[in-house]
Amino acid sequence: MINVVNALPQVVAPALAAPTVTYLGGYRVLYLVVAVIGVAEAVLVRRITGVD
């Protein structure tokens, strides 16, 4: 299961990046989308108070 968790982003990222670059405006939009996702991840991780 841990292998799926490690490999899944490497499969999904190109599948999402290609249409973003092709249809939504190029690399500038791609970098904006990546920045928004990064900020959202930081906010969500910050809310974690502990791990059992």
C-alpha atoms as a PDB file:
ATOM      1  CA  MET A   1       0.000   0.000   0.000  1.00  0.00           C
ATOM      2  CA  ILE A   2       2.845   2.390   0.776  1.00  0.00           C
ATOM      3  CA  ASN A   3       4.125   1.951  -2.778  1.00  0.00           C
ATOM      4  CA  VAL A   4       0.787   3.184  -4.160  1.00  0.00           C
ATOM      5  CA  VAL A   5       0.962   6.240  -1.916  1.00  0.00           C
ATOM      6  CA  ASN A   6       4.448   7.042  -3.202  1.00  0.00           C
ATOM      7  CA  ALA A   7       3.756   6.362  -6.898  1.00  0.00           C
ATOM      8  CA  LEU A   8       0.264   7.825  -7.308  1.00  0.00           C
ATOM      9  CA  PRO A   9       1.318  11.515  -7.435  1.00  0.00           C
ATOM     10  CA  GLN A  10       3.874  10.674 -10.129  1.00  0.00           C
ATOM     11  CA  VAL A  11       1.090   9.206 -12.248  1.00  0.00           C
ATOM     12  CA  VAL A  12      -1.598  11.807 -11.549  1.00  0.00           C
ATOM     13  CA  ALA A  13       0.537  14.960 -11.878  1.00  0.00           C
ATOM     14  CA  PRO A  14       1.352  14.624 -15.590  1.00  0.00           C
ATOM     15  CA  ALA A  15      -2.238  13.621 -16.326  1.00  0.00           C
ATOM     16  CA  LEU A  16      -3.449  16.866 -14.731  1.00  0.00           C
ATOM     17  CA  ALA A  17      -0.615  19.078 -15.945  1.00  0.00           C
ATOM     18  CA  ALA A  18      -0.954  18.271 -19.639  1.00  0.00           C
ATOM     19  CA  PRO A  19      -4.554  19.504 -20.010  1.00  0.00           C
ATOM     20  CA  THR A  20      -3.771  22.505 -17.829  1.00  0.00           C
ATOM     21  CA  VAL A  21      -0.902  23.563 -20.093  1.00  0.00           C
ATOM     22  CA  THR A  22      -2.769  22.735 -23.301  1.00  0.00           C
ATOM     23  CA  TYR A  23      -6.246  24.102 -22.630  1.00  0.00           C
ATOM     24  CA  LEU A  24      -6.055  26.556 -19.734  1.00  0.00           C
ATOM     25  CA  GLY A  25      -3.310  28.938 -20.765  1.00  0.00           C
ATOM     26  CA  GLY A  26       0.139  27.412 -20.589  1.00  0.00           C
ATOM     27  CA  TYR A  27       2.791  27.145 -17.944  1.00  0.00           C
ATOM     28  CA  ARG A  28       1.869  30.410 -16.234  1.00  0.00           C
ATOM     29  CA  VAL A  29      -1.520  28.956 -15.286  1.00  0.00           C
ATOM     30  CA  LEU A  30       0.101  25.648 -14.324  1.00  0.00           C
ATOM     31  CA  TYR A  31       2.435  27.411 -11.889  1.00  0.00           C
ATOM     32  CA  LEU A  32      -0.490  29.352 -10.443  1.00  0.00           C
ATOM     33  CA  VAL A  33      -2.454  26.130  -9.908  1.00  0.00           C
ATOM     34  CA  VAL A  34       0.567  24.492  -8.268  1.00  0.00           C
ATOM     35  CA  ALA A  35       1.017  27.514  -5.972  1.00  0.00           C
ATOM     36  CA  VAL A  36      -2.630  27.391  -4.901  1.00  0.00           C
ATOM     37  CA  ILE A  37      -2.390  23.660  -4.207  1.00  0.00           C
ATOM     38  CA  GLY A  38       0.798  24.212  -2.189  1.00  0.00           C
ATOM     39  CA  VAL A  39      -0.811  26.897  -0.023  1.00  0.00           C
ATOM     40  CA  ALA A  40      -3.886  24.707   0.506  1.00  0.00           C
ATOM     41  CA  GLU A  41      -1.643  21.816   1.581  1.00  0.00           C
ATOM     42  CA  ALA A  42       0.227  24.038   4.026  1.00  0.00           C
ATOM     43  CA  VAL A  43      -3.029  25.230   5.601  1.00  0.00           C
ATOM     44  CA  LEU A  44      -4.396  21.703   5.903  1.00  0.00           C
ATOM     45  CA  VAL A  45      -1.175  20.253   7.344  1.00  0.00           C
ATOM     46  CA  ARG A  46      -0.977  23.059   9.873  1.00  0.00           C
ATOM     47  CA  ARG A  47      -4.350  22.020  11.275  1.00  0.00           C
ATOM     48  CA  ILE A  48      -3.035  18.558  12.220  1.00  0.00           C
ATOM     49  CA  THR A  49      -2.594  18.509  15.979  1.00  0.00           C
ATOM     50  CA  GLY A  50      -1.161  15.048  16.423  1.00  0.00           C
ATOM     51  CA  VAL A  51      -0.721  11.556  15.096  1.00  0.00           C
ATOM     52  CA  ASP A  52      -1.915   8.489  16.943  1.00  0.00           C
END
